[in-house]
Amino acid sequence: MKKTIYILLLLCSITNSLNAQVLKRKYSNGFRYQILTAEIKQEKSFNGDQGVFVEGVVPNSTSESAGIKEGDIIVEINGTAIADVSTFTSPPLSEITVGNPVVYKVWRNKAFVQLTTTAKAKVNKTKQGIHYEYGEIKTAFGYLRTLLSKPVNASGKLPAILFIQGNMCESVIEVPEKDPYEQFCNEMTLQGYAVMRIDKPGAGDSEGKFTTCDQMTFNQELEQFQTGLESLMKNKTIDSKKIYLFGHSMGGMITPILASTNPSVKGAMVFGTLSTNFGSYYPEIINRSLLQSGNSPEVALEYKNYTKEVITAIFDENKTPQQIIKDKPEYDAVLQQVFGWNEKDNTIIYRSLAFNRELNKIDPKKYWEKVTCPILTIYGTSDFEAIDKEYATAMLGWTNAKNAKHSKAIILENTDHAFAIVGSMEEGIKLKHSGNYAQIMQDKFNPLVVTKTAEWLASF
């Protein structure tokens, strides 16, 4: 009986906490998807250019109530064409609230069908052994949703990890249980750590009326995680002397900045990040991925040089993609294929020109040299999107020597950028471009990412 009362009180406290917040739970589409590929379009006999392919449907969600099925192609929601990921995180779709009508235009069995329902609220997470606290932080560009996961049976003040995600704009909170980020954060919580995640503007419950993730600047993103770090430090249930940072991919560029400007941070961890500024990094990644995909050295070098020219024009000459194409029309294809240029939103690699220009000014080495806490660098040998093994080790020498004995580089064999075990780098690239990769990265999560991280944290 006492246990039942405790659970009821806990549920009431969660409800009261959410009711007292500015942010309310938004509606949830509740489907997992991937961007359309030529293979999917051919298989489904679909000739359109816009839409997303449904890989799965979440129970008790808006899409399930509408009758959305795995294998559908969702073309429109409430008359808004689904162009890319940013469509979901930008008005008008980001402003749909619980109870509003939702109309899906779907391609199914070689014909369009219309499915209608009302918007359902996102369901709060539950997992045995973990207590989830939905919170918020206030930034200069709006309120952002936070999720703090805590081990249920812990006593006293908890050590905590601020998780800093990569470049993409999707929610890191509203994800399925087998999502790589979800698996990492949950497993680290079960290791005894409180773990905080923060959704970027327009993602999940976070506000997107002042800016959205794809239009925000790098400095705004830095503010987001600085504010999150400060909220952890002020949290009375957290041990402020045991707060760590974990940056994945582009989040690894923010990690040394925060660690160098917040000396109370006890440790800084990065997985699959950059060792140079973006302009130096990206041509090398394009060259490597093309070679590993079976292209000739001549083709790889050609596209590497194209990439360098575009980077010089955008970052050094301050040109827009439109100006580049006006001067050299043949670069239209390069901007779209290599940089993912979206003319409608004027974004490259899913982010604004302002974001990328500020990012390009960041030399991570200069910040790592100011870091005084121990660092952990993790590199997967199949990760073609990040630093190589040599840089992962070299980064240890960039930080303050007094903590060198606690700093460490870990090399995870056959592991890719999404923490998945995929075989060699060449095999990983093939899987990345297959239609099954979304499922592969969920099913092949490498548990060593968690165990090695936890071992390092316990070592000092």
Foldseek 3Di string as FASTA:
>chain_A
DVVVVVVVVLVVVLVVQQVPDPFHFFFDLFFDWDFDDPVLCVVLVHDDQFWTATQGGHPPHFNVVQPDDHGKTWQDKPNHGHHDPVVCLDPPNLVAGFFQKIWTWIRDPNDTDITIDTTDGDDDDDDPQKDKHWDWFQDPQFIWIKIKIAGPPDDAAFFEEEEFEDLDQEDLRPDDCLQLSNVQQVLLRNLGYIYMYIHFDSYGRTHDPRHGSQEDAQVRSLRVSLRVLVVQCVDRRHDLQRYEYEYAARRLLSQLVSLLVPVSHAEYEYEFYAQFFPLVQQLQLQLLLCVLQPHDNVVSVVLSVLSNVVCCCCQVVVDAPVVVCVVPVVCVCSQCPRQVQDPVSSGTVSHHSNRSNVRRVRNSLVSQLSRAHAYEYEYEQLASNGDHPVSQVVSLVSYDPVHSVLHYYYYHYCAYSSQFRQHHNSRVSVLVPDPCVSVRSSVGHDCCVNVVVSVSSVPD
